[in-house]
C-alpha atoms as a PDB file:
ATOM      1  CA  MET A   1     133.200 -18.801 195.961  1.00  0.00           C
ATOM      2  CA  SER A   2     130.025 -18.691 193.709  1.00  0.00           C
ATOM      3  CA  LYS A   3     130.550 -20.362 190.217  1.00  0.00           C
ATOM      4  CA  LEU A   4     128.187 -19.162 187.398  1.00  0.00           C
ATOM      5  CA  LYS A   5     127.088 -22.434 185.479  1.00  0.00           C
ATOM      6  CA  ILE A   6     126.772 -21.456 181.652  1.00  0.00           C
ATOM      7  CA  ALA A   7     125.441 -23.758 178.876  1.00  0.00           C
ATOM      8  CA  VAL A   8     126.640 -23.813 175.149  1.00  0.00           C
ATOM      9  CA  GLN A   9     125.887 -25.923 172.493  1.00  0.00           C
ATOM     10  CA  LYS A  10     127.384 -29.558 172.920  1.00  0.00           C
ATOM     11  CA  SER A  11     128.865 -29.569 169.412  1.00  0.00           C
ATOM     12  CA  GLY A  12     128.765 -27.649 165.878  1.00  0.00           C
ATOM     13  CA  ARG A  13     129.512 -24.375 164.515  1.00  0.00           C
ATOM     14  CA  LEU A  14     127.742 -22.496 167.433  1.00  0.00           C
ATOM     15  CA  ASN A  15     129.813 -24.453 170.104  1.00  0.00           C
ATOM     16  CA  GLU A  16     133.084 -23.335 168.382  1.00  0.00           C
ATOM     17  CA  ASP A  17     132.020 -19.948 168.053  1.00  0.00           C
ATOM     18  CA  SER A  18     130.764 -19.893 171.874  1.00  0.00           C
ATOM     19  CA  MET A  19     134.160 -21.000 173.053  1.00  0.00           C
ATOM     20  CA  LYS A  20     135.877 -18.471 170.855  1.00  0.00           C
ATOM     21  CA  ILE A  21     134.050 -15.594 172.589  1.00  0.00           C
ATOM     22  CA  LEU A  22     134.837 -16.872 175.780  1.00  0.00           C
ATOM     23  CA  LYS A  23     138.500 -16.998 174.963  1.00  0.00           C
ATOM     24  CA  ALA A  24     138.364 -13.549 173.505  1.00  0.00           C
ATOM     25  CA  ILE A  25     136.962 -12.028 177.055  1.00  0.00           C
ATOM     26  CA  GLY A  26     139.924 -14.011 178.673  1.00  0.00           C
ATOM     27  CA  ILE A  27     138.373 -16.765 180.080  1.00  0.00           C
ATOM     28  CA  SER A  28     140.545 -20.111 179.995  1.00  0.00           C
ATOM     29  CA  ILE A  29     138.362 -23.465 179.692  1.00  0.00           C
ATOM     30  CA  ASP A  30     139.984 -26.790 180.374  1.00  0.00           C
ATOM     31  CA  ASN A  31     137.780 -28.992 178.379  1.00  0.00           C
ATOM     32  CA  GLY A  32     138.689 -32.300 176.907  1.00  0.00           C
ATOM     33  CA  LYS A  33     136.730 -34.165 174.243  1.00  0.00           C
ATOM     34  CA  ASP A  34     133.381 -35.869 175.035  1.00  0.00           C
ATOM     35  CA  GLN A  35     133.364 -33.855 178.142  1.00  0.00           C
ATOM     36  CA  LEU A  36     129.936 -32.566 179.389  1.00  0.00           C
ATOM     37  CA  LYS A  37     131.053 -30.366 182.177  1.00  0.00           C
ATOM     38  CA  ALA A  38     134.526 -28.231 182.391  1.00  0.00           C
ATOM     39  CA  SER A  39     135.685 -25.159 184.759  1.00  0.00           C
ATOM     40  CA  ALA A  40     137.484 -22.325 183.902  1.00  0.00           C
ATOM     41  CA  ARG A  41     140.958 -21.822 185.311  1.00  0.00           C
ATOM     42  CA  ASN A  42     141.038 -18.281 185.928  1.00  0.00           C
ATOM     43  CA  PHE A  43     137.205 -17.331 186.184  1.00  0.00           C
ATOM     44  CA  PRO A  44     134.494 -18.559 188.722  1.00  0.00           C
ATOM     45  CA  LEU A  45     132.415 -20.198 185.832  1.00  0.00           C
ATOM     46  CA  GLU A  46     131.242 -23.991 184.654  1.00  0.00           C
ATOM     47  CA  VAL A  47     130.618 -24.568 181.451  1.00  0.00           C
ATOM     48  CA  PHE A  48     127.647 -27.220 180.538  1.00  0.00           C
ATOM     49  CA  TYR A  49     127.670 -28.872 176.902  1.00  0.00           C
ATOM     50  CA  LEU A  50     124.084 -29.458 176.156  1.00  0.00           C
ATOM     51  CA  ARG A  51     121.937 -30.213 173.453  1.00  0.00           C
ATOM     52  CA  ASN A  52     120.807 -26.694 171.984  1.00  0.00           C
ATOM     53  CA  GLY A  53     116.986 -27.771 172.242  1.00  0.00           C
ATOM     54  CA  ASP A  54     117.170 -28.798 176.003  1.00  0.00           C
ATOM     55  CA  ILE A  55     119.014 -25.468 176.910  1.00  0.00           C
ATOM     56  CA  PRO A  56     115.952 -23.212 177.299  1.00  0.00           C
ATOM     57  CA  GLN A  57     114.432 -25.700 179.941  1.00  0.00           C
ATOM     58  CA  TYR A  58     117.420 -26.074 181.902  1.00  0.00           C
ATOM     59  CA  LEU A  59     117.665 -22.172 182.046  1.00  0.00           C
ATOM     60  CA  ARG A  60     114.013 -21.874 183.147  1.00  0.00           C
ATOM     61  CA  ASP A  61     114.425 -24.632 185.995  1.00  0.00           C
ATOM     62  CA  GLY A  62     117.693 -22.958 187.254  1.00  0.00           C
ATOM     63  CA  VAL A  63     120.087 -25.941 186.401  1.00  0.00           C
ATOM     64  CA  VAL A  64     122.178 -23.538 184.428  1.00  0.00           C
ATOM     65  CA  ASP A  65     122.530 -19.506 185.311  1.00  0.00           C
ATOM     66  CA  ALA A  66     123.094 -18.421 181.544  1.00  0.00           C
ATOM     67  CA  ALA A  67     123.617 -19.849 178.164  1.00  0.00           C
ATOM     68  CA  ILE A  68     124.900 -18.927 174.701  1.00  0.00           C
ATOM     69  CA  ILE A  69     122.055 -19.904 172.736  1.00  0.00           C
ATOM     70  CA  GLY A  70     120.800 -19.174 169.308  1.00  0.00           C
ATOM     71  CA  GLU A  71     118.046 -16.764 169.307  1.00  0.00           C
ATOM     72  CA  ASN A  72     116.015 -19.174 166.997  1.00  0.00           C
ATOM     73  CA  VAL A  73     115.865 -21.616 169.808  1.00  0.00           C
ATOM     74  CA  LEU A  74     114.748 -18.960 172.415  1.00  0.00           C
ATOM     75  CA  ILE A  75     111.779 -17.768 170.144  1.00  0.00           C
ATOM     76  CA  GLU A  76     110.768 -21.591 169.898  1.00  0.00           C
ATOM     77  CA  LYS A  77     111.205 -22.977 173.168  1.00  0.00           C
ATOM     78  CA  GLY A  78     112.009 -20.058 175.698  1.00  0.00           C
ATOM     79  CA  ASN A  79     110.227 -16.685 174.843  1.00  0.00           C
ATOM     80  CA  ASP A  80     109.936 -16.123 178.546  1.00  0.00           C
ATOM     81  CA  LEU A  81     113.747 -16.122 178.969  1.00  0.00           C
ATOM     82  CA  ASN A  82     116.008 -12.884 179.284  1.00  0.00           C
ATOM     83  CA  ILE A  83     118.385 -12.033 176.663  1.00  0.00           C
ATOM     84  CA  VAL A  84     121.194  -9.641 178.140  1.00  0.00           C
ATOM     85  CA  GLU A  85     123.500  -9.470 175.423  1.00  0.00           C
ATOM     86  CA  ARG A  86     123.485 -10.239 171.297  1.00  0.00           C
ATOM     87  CA  LEU A  87     126.730 -11.706 170.000  1.00  0.00           C
ATOM     88  CA  GLY A  88     126.839 -10.765 166.389  1.00  0.00           C
ATOM     89  CA  PHE A  89     127.907 -14.480 165.155  1.00  0.00           C
ATOM     90  CA  SER A  90     126.339 -17.723 164.138  1.00  0.00           C
ATOM     91  CA  LYS A  91     123.806 -15.673 162.058  1.00  0.00           C
ATOM     92  CA  CYS A  92     121.151 -17.549 160.258  1.00  0.00           C
ATOM     93  CA  ARG A  93     117.367 -17.096 159.234  1.00  0.00           C
ATOM     94  CA  VAL A  94     114.207 -19.582 159.956  1.00  0.00           C
ATOM     95  CA  SER A  95     112.670 -19.650 156.537  1.00  0.00           C
ATOM     96  CA  ILE A  96     109.918 -21.594 154.562  1.00  0.00           C
ATOM     97  CA  ALA A  97     111.214 -23.266 151.644  1.00  0.00           C
ATOM     98  CA  VAL A  98     109.510 -25.389 148.778  1.00  0.00           C
ATOM     99  CA  PRO A  99     110.762 -27.621 146.063  1.00  0.00           C
ATOM    100  CA  LYS A 100     112.044 -25.568 142.799  1.00  0.00           C
ATOM    101  CA  SER A 101     109.380 -27.385 140.685  1.00  0.00           C
ATOM    102  CA  SER A 102     106.717 -26.236 142.962  1.00  0.00           C
ATOM    103  CA  GLY A 103     104.135 -23.674 141.889  1.00  0.00           C
ATOM    104  CA  ALA A 104     104.412 -21.865 145.273  1.00  0.00           C
ATOM    105  CA  LYS A 105     105.733 -18.598 145.165  1.00  0.00           C
ATOM    106  CA  SER A 106     104.624 -17.206 148.691  1.00  0.00           C
ATOM    107  CA  LEU A 107     103.067 -17.831 151.675  1.00  0.00           C
ATOM    108  CA  LYS A 108      99.350 -17.927 150.592  1.00  0.00           C
ATOM    109  CA  ASP A 109     100.001 -20.542 148.224  1.00  0.00           C
ATOM    110  CA  LEU A 110     100.540 -22.773 151.456  1.00  0.00           C
ATOM    111  CA  GLU A 111      97.161 -22.822 152.182  1.00  0.00           C
ATOM    112  CA  GLY A 112      95.906 -26.545 153.129  1.00  0.00           C
ATOM    113  CA  LYS A 113      99.643 -27.594 152.348  1.00  0.00           C
ATOM    114  CA  ARG A 114     101.989 -29.788 154.589  1.00  0.00           C
ATOM    115  CA  ILE A 115     105.033 -28.429 155.943  1.00  0.00           C
ATOM    116  CA  ALA A 116     107.622 -30.211 157.776  1.00  0.00           C
ATOM    117  CA  THR A 117     109.559 -28.369 160.718  1.00  0.00           C
ATOM    118  CA  SER A 118     111.605 -28.595 163.687  1.00  0.00           C
ATOM    119  CA  TYR A 119     110.097 -25.111 164.913  1.00  0.00           C
ATOM    120  CA  PRO A 120     106.274 -25.803 165.128  1.00  0.00           C
ATOM    121  CA  ASN A 121     105.766 -23.041 167.589  1.00  0.00           C
ATOM    122  CA  THR A 122     107.698 -20.509 165.554  1.00  0.00           C
ATOM    123  CA  VAL A 123     105.448 -21.774 162.359  1.00  0.00           C
ATOM    124  CA  ASN A 124     102.262 -21.615 163.898  1.00  0.00           C
ATOM    125  CA  GLN A 125     102.416 -18.240 165.428  1.00  0.00           C
ATOM    126  CA  PHE A 126     103.611 -17.106 161.863  1.00  0.00           C
ATOM    127  CA  LEU A 127     100.876 -18.517 159.920  1.00  0.00           C
ATOM    128  CA  ASP A 128      98.155 -17.420 162.637  1.00  0.00           C
ATOM    129  CA  LYS A 129      99.457 -13.770 162.284  1.00  0.00           C
ATOM    130  CA  ALA A 130      99.332 -14.329 158.150  1.00  0.00           C
ATOM    131  CA  GLY A 131      95.985 -15.938 158.415  1.00  0.00           C
ATOM    132  CA  ILE A 132      97.139 -19.248 156.632  1.00  0.00           C
ATOM    133  CA  ASP A 133      95.740 -22.771 157.540  1.00  0.00           C
ATOM    134  CA  ALA A 134      98.404 -25.471 157.224  1.00  0.00           C
ATOM    135  CA  ASN A 135      99.310 -28.765 158.297  1.00  0.00           C
ATOM    136  CA  LEU A 136     102.564 -29.186 160.161  1.00  0.00           C
ATOM    137  CA  HIS A 137     104.498 -32.355 160.234  1.00  0.00           C
ATOM    138  CA  ILE A 138     107.283 -32.227 163.401  1.00  0.00           C
ATOM    139  CA  ILE A 139     110.248 -33.702 162.467  1.00  0.00           C
ATOM    140  CA  ASN A 140     113.484 -33.406 164.582  1.00  0.00           C
ATOM    141  CA  GLY A 141     116.460 -33.700 162.360  1.00  0.00           C
ATOM    142  CA  SER A 142     116.817 -32.977 158.646  1.00  0.00           C
ATOM    143  CA  VAL A 143     113.710 -31.770 157.408  1.00  0.00           C
ATOM    144  CA  GLU A 144     114.830 -30.825 153.811  1.00  0.00           C
ATOM    145  CA  ILE A 145     114.488 -34.329 152.594  1.00  0.00           C
ATOM    146  CA  ALA A 146     110.750 -34.226 153.385  1.00  0.00           C
ATOM    147  CA  PRO A 147     109.211 -33.006 149.972  1.00  0.00           C
ATOM    148  CA  ASN A 148     111.611 -35.485 148.278  1.00  0.00           C
ATOM    149  CA  ILE A 149     109.762 -38.693 149.937  1.00  0.00           C
ATOM    150  CA  GLY A 150     106.194 -37.006 149.651  1.00  0.00           C
ATOM    151  CA  LEU A 151     105.940 -36.193 153.311  1.00  0.00           C
ATOM    152  CA  ALA A 152     105.401 -32.445 152.929  1.00  0.00           C
ATOM    153  CA  ASP A 153     104.728 -30.055 150.355  1.00  0.00           C
ATOM    154  CA  ALA A 154     107.242 -27.426 152.082  1.00  0.00           C
ATOM    155  CA  VAL A 155     109.791 -27.072 154.999  1.00  0.00           C
ATOM    156  CA  CYS A 156     110.469 -24.681 157.541  1.00  0.00           C
ATOM    157  CA  ASP A 157     114.083 -24.604 159.002  1.00  0.00           C
ATOM    158  CA  ILE A 158     117.213 -22.769 159.770  1.00  0.00           C
ATOM    159  CA  VAL A 159     119.246 -21.493 156.578  1.00  0.00           C
ATOM    160  CA  SER A 160     122.720 -20.147 156.751  1.00  0.00           C
ATOM    161  CA  SER A 161     124.200 -19.932 153.607  1.00  0.00           C
ATOM    162  CA  GLY A 162     121.423 -21.721 151.524  1.00  0.00           C
ATOM    163  CA  SER A 163     123.579 -24.630 150.398  1.00  0.00           C
ATOM    164  CA  THR A 164     121.700 -27.451 151.991  1.00  0.00           C
ATOM    165  CA  LEU A 165     118.574 -25.915 150.264  1.00  0.00           C
ATOM    166  CA  PHE A 166     120.294 -26.097 146.839  1.00  0.00           C
ATOM    167  CA  LYS A 167     121.519 -29.510 147.409  1.00  0.00           C
ATOM    168  CA  ASN A 168     117.857 -30.907 148.070  1.00  0.00           C
ATOM    169  CA  GLY A 169     116.363 -28.996 145.291  1.00  0.00           C
ATOM    170  CA  LEU A 170     114.596 -26.247 147.489  1.00  0.00           C
ATOM    171  CA  LYS A 171     114.006 -22.501 147.225  1.00  0.00           C
ATOM    172  CA  GLU A 172     113.105 -20.117 149.779  1.00  0.00           C
ATOM    173  CA  ILE A 173     109.925 -17.989 149.486  1.00  0.00           C
ATOM    174  CA  GLU A 174     109.622 -16.558 153.091  1.00  0.00           C
ATOM    175  CA  VAL A 175     111.629 -15.687 155.900  1.00  0.00           C
ATOM    176  CA  LEU A 176     109.970 -16.204 159.200  1.00  0.00           C
ATOM    177  CA  LEU A 177     112.723 -14.301 161.351  1.00  0.00           C
ATOM    178  CA  LYS A 178     116.774 -13.783 161.245  1.00  0.00           C
ATOM    179  CA  SER A 179     118.670 -15.061 164.625  1.00  0.00           C
ATOM    180  CA  GLU A 180     122.157 -14.827 165.965  1.00  0.00           C
ATOM    181  CA  ALA A 181     123.861 -16.302 168.865  1.00  0.00           C
ATOM    182  CA  VAL A 182     122.764 -14.273 172.216  1.00  0.00           C
ATOM    183  CA  LEU A 183     123.638 -14.569 176.083  1.00  0.00           C
ATOM    184  CA  ALA A 184     120.501 -15.839 178.079  1.00  0.00           C
ATOM    185  CA  THR A 185     119.852 -15.844 181.638  1.00  0.00           C
ATOM    186  CA  SER A 186     117.892 -17.902 183.918  1.00  0.00           C
ATOM    187  CA  PRO A 187     114.828 -16.253 186.060  1.00  0.00           C
ATOM    188  CA  LYS A 188     116.426 -18.159 189.046  1.00  0.00           C
ATOM    189  CA  ILE A 189     120.180 -16.676 188.657  1.00  0.00           C
ATOM    190  CA  SER A 190     121.167 -15.734 192.255  1.00  0.00           C
ATOM    191  CA  GLN A 191     122.464 -11.963 193.047  1.00  0.00           C
ATOM    192  CA  ASP A 192     126.196 -13.482 193.158  1.00  0.00           C
ATOM    193  CA  ASN A 193     126.022 -15.016 190.013  1.00  0.00           C
ATOM    194  CA  GLN A 194     124.276 -11.817 188.485  1.00  0.00           C
ATOM    195  CA  ALA A 195     127.243  -9.834 189.383  1.00  0.00           C
ATOM    196  CA  ILE A 196     129.553 -12.378 187.256  1.00  0.00           C
ATOM    197  CA  ILE A 197     127.220 -12.172 184.457  1.00  0.00           C
ATOM    198  CA  ASP A 198     127.585  -8.597 184.647  1.00  0.00           C
ATOM    199  CA  LYS A 199     131.486  -8.811 184.400  1.00  0.00           C
ATOM    200  CA  ILE A 200     131.006 -11.022 181.503  1.00  0.00           C
ATOM    201  CA  GLN A 201     128.564  -8.815 179.558  1.00  0.00           C
ATOM    202  CA  PHE A 202     131.185  -5.852 180.322  1.00  0.00           C
ATOM    203  CA  ARG A 203     133.833  -8.002 178.713  1.00  0.00           C
ATOM    204  CA  LEU A 204     131.611  -9.104 175.841  1.00  0.00           C
ATOM    205  CA  GLN A 205     130.698  -5.547 174.959  1.00  0.00           C
ATOM    206  CA  SER A 206     134.658  -4.259 174.896  1.00  0.00           C
ATOM    207  CA  VAL A 207     135.335  -7.319 172.323  1.00  0.00           C
ATOM    208  CA  LEU A 208     132.433  -6.749 170.232  1.00  0.00           C
ATOM    209  CA  LYS A 209     132.751  -2.844 170.141  1.00  0.00           C
ATOM    210  CA  GLY A 210     136.388  -3.955 169.080  1.00  0.00           C
ATOM    211  CA  ARG A 211     135.469  -5.977 166.439  1.00  0.00           C
ATOM    212  CA  GLU A 212     133.081  -3.423 164.782  1.00  0.00           C
ATOM    213  CA  ASN A 213     135.809  -0.946 164.643  1.00  0.00           C
ATOM    214  CA  LYS A 214     139.452  -0.714 163.189  1.00  0.00           C
ATOM    215  CA  TYR A 215     142.310   1.787 164.402  1.00  0.00           C
ATOM    216  CA  VAL A 216     143.645   4.011 161.751  1.00  0.00           C
ATOM    217  CA  LEU A 217     147.170   5.779 161.973  1.00  0.00           C
ATOM    218  CA  LEU A 218     148.106   8.362 158.772  1.00  0.00           C
ATOM    219  CA  ASN A 219     150.512  10.831 158.275  1.00  0.00           C
ATOM    220  CA  ALA A 220     149.247  14.411 156.823  1.00  0.00           C
ATOM    221  CA  PRO A 221     150.644  17.906 156.026  1.00  0.00           C
ATOM    222  CA  ASN A 222     149.955  20.307 158.774  1.00  0.00           C
ATOM    223  CA  ASP A 223     147.971  22.778 156.372  1.00  0.00           C
ATOM    224  CA  LYS A 224     145.391  19.816 155.562  1.00  0.00           C
ATOM    225  CA  LEU A 225     144.805  18.788 159.189  1.00  0.00           C
ATOM    226  CA  ASP A 226     141.461  20.448 159.474  1.00  0.00           C
ATOM    227  CA  ARG A 227     139.838  18.960 156.412  1.00  0.00           C
ATOM    228  CA  ILE A 228     141.317  15.494 157.684  1.00  0.00           C
ATOM    229  CA  VAL A 229     140.110  15.994 161.325  1.00  0.00           C
ATOM    230  CA  LYS A 230     136.518  16.552 159.791  1.00  0.00           C
ATOM    231  CA  ILE A 231     136.754  13.285 157.984  1.00  0.00           C
ATOM    232  CA  LEU A 232     137.849  11.185 160.580  1.00  0.00           C
ATOM    233  CA  PRO A 233     134.729  10.113 162.843  1.00  0.00           C
ATOM    234  CA  GLY A 234     136.609   8.846 165.938  1.00  0.00           C
ATOM    235  CA  MET A 235     135.433   8.202 169.401  1.00  0.00           C
ATOM    236  CA  ASN A 236     135.936  11.926 170.456  1.00  0.00           C
ATOM    237  CA  SER A 237     138.372  13.446 168.458  1.00  0.00           C
ATOM    238  CA  PRO A 238     141.712  11.892 166.569  1.00  0.00           C
ATOM    239  CA  THR A 239     144.878  12.078 168.237  1.00  0.00           C
ATOM    240  CA  ILE A 240     147.565  14.382 166.549  1.00  0.00           C
ATOM    241  CA  LEU A 241     151.052  14.115 167.095  1.00  0.00           C
ATOM    242  CA  PRO A 242     154.070  16.237 165.327  1.00  0.00           C
ATOM    243  CA  LEU A 243     156.606  14.110 162.966  1.00  0.00           C
ATOM    244  CA  ALA A 244     160.005  14.643 162.820  1.00  0.00           C
ATOM    245  CA  LYS A 245     159.382  16.041 159.120  1.00  0.00           C
ATOM    246  CA  GLU A 246     158.885  19.446 159.568  1.00  0.00           C
ATOM    247  CA  GLY A 247     155.183  20.551 158.800  1.00  0.00           C
ATOM    248  CA  TRP A 248     153.925  17.106 159.214  1.00  0.00           C
ATOM    249  CA  SER A 249     151.519  15.465 161.781  1.00  0.00           C
ATOM    250  CA  SER A 250     150.671  11.694 162.509  1.00  0.00           C
ATOM    251  CA  LEU A 251     146.815  11.311 163.261  1.00  0.00           C
ATOM    252  CA  HIS A 252     145.484   8.154 165.143  1.00  0.00           C
ATOM    253  CA  SER A 253     141.538   7.567 165.324  1.00  0.00           C
ATOM    254  CA  VAL A 254     138.987   4.832 165.164  1.00  0.00           C
ATOM    255  CA  ILE A 255     136.723   4.038 162.123  1.00  0.00           C
ATOM    256  CA  ASN A 256     133.680   2.039 162.000  1.00  0.00           C
ATOM    257  CA  LYS A 257     134.290  -0.964 159.670  1.00  0.00           C
ATOM    258  CA  ASN A 258     130.951  -0.224 157.747  1.00  0.00           C
ATOM    259  CA  ASP A 259     132.337   3.416 156.786  1.00  0.00           C
ATOM    260  CA  PHE A 260     135.602   2.182 156.738  1.00  0.00           C
ATOM    261  CA  TRP A 261     136.321   2.030 152.876  1.00  0.00           C
ATOM    262  CA  ASP A 262     134.503   5.481 152.278  1.00  0.00           C
ATOM    263  CA  VAL A 263     136.489   7.044 154.812  1.00  0.00           C
ATOM    264  CA  ILE A 264     139.970   5.833 153.468  1.00  0.00           C
ATOM    265  CA  ASP A 265     139.064   6.914 149.915  1.00  0.00           C
ATOM    266  CA  GLU A 266     138.074  10.426 151.239  1.00  0.00           C
ATOM    267  CA  LEU A 267     141.287  10.474 153.308  1.00  0.00           C
ATOM    268  CA  LYS A 268     143.383   9.815 150.624  1.00  0.00           C
ATOM    269  CA  VAL A 269     141.757  12.244 148.212  1.00  0.00           C
ATOM    270  CA  ASN A 270     142.341  15.197 150.955  1.00  0.00           C
ATOM    271  CA  GLY A 271     146.173  14.548 151.422  1.00  0.00           C
ATOM    272  CA  ALA A 272     146.629  11.710 153.955  1.00  0.00           C
ATOM    273  CA  GLU A 273     149.578   9.340 153.241  1.00  0.00           C
ATOM    274  CA  GLY A 274     151.011   6.235 154.933  1.00  0.00           C
ATOM    275  CA  ILE A 275     147.618   4.887 156.166  1.00  0.00           C
ATOM    276  CA  LEU A 276     147.979   1.779 158.529  1.00  0.00           C
ATOM    277  CA  VAL A 277     145.006   0.037 159.855  1.00  0.00           C
ATOM    278  CA  CYS A 278     145.379  -2.462 162.767  1.00  0.00           C
ATOM    279  CA  PRO A 279     142.395  -4.522 164.370  1.00  0.00           C
ATOM    280  CA  ILE A 280     141.007  -3.652 167.669  1.00  0.00           C
ATOM    281  CA  GLU A 281     141.274  -6.573 170.385  1.00  0.00           C
ATOM    282  CA  ASN A 282     139.105  -4.562 173.037  1.00  0.00           C
ATOM    283  CA  MET A 283     137.544  -1.268 173.177  1.00  0.00           C
ATOM    284  CA  VAL A 284     136.770  -0.347 176.687  1.00  0.00           C
ATOM    285  CA  LEU A 285     134.254   2.847 176.562  1.00  0.00           C
END
């Protein structure tokens, strides 16, 4: 039976989040410490633990069939590769930062300056579009120290919380792009393994949809049902069940997490009581 080879980052936050999402879609991985390859117990899949920057080439060459990888890495090294699903975690941005003491306030102030980065292709493309001529110093590793040792006037690197920039006395002046983890596939993936990817993608969409919504149960007097039904968005329409208490009903619905508190406030004003909220593990549409 064919097995899908999927690459994930060898270590770090993206590795942890990748393994969590695989577990959430029901795939159990037998992985021990420092293993470079591990098999799933209950699914035709092998996980390869690789350096993030090497993954695009492995995808291109067909060494692995798919990967969970930061979109920023694909933009830098794998623009030709196919993204099949955005995963919504490990979010970050690629930004240009300068020392807080610097007089540079915008991209145009970097004309003729030195920028240290691990993302030369991304930076060059961005500077070309902006018509800025700067000198790049390519550094593999921590670039934030470059201005402090006189190597560069600015840096371009990934930023999550911004704490690393703060600790190194830097400030952001330009965001080049925003990134998140994505599922990408190899152009050489076989038809059999594409069918496995389709199954994984279906499961991922169910889990991700569940995370975007909350399940709500509430009680309401029957004379206020019409108003409350109009407030509840739901997938189609809320489920309404009679309660033992005469003149009252229980309503069950789904609310998008982004609208959640506004909807709850409106429900309370319109007579809803005993509101219970439950997380949704999977949402199959």
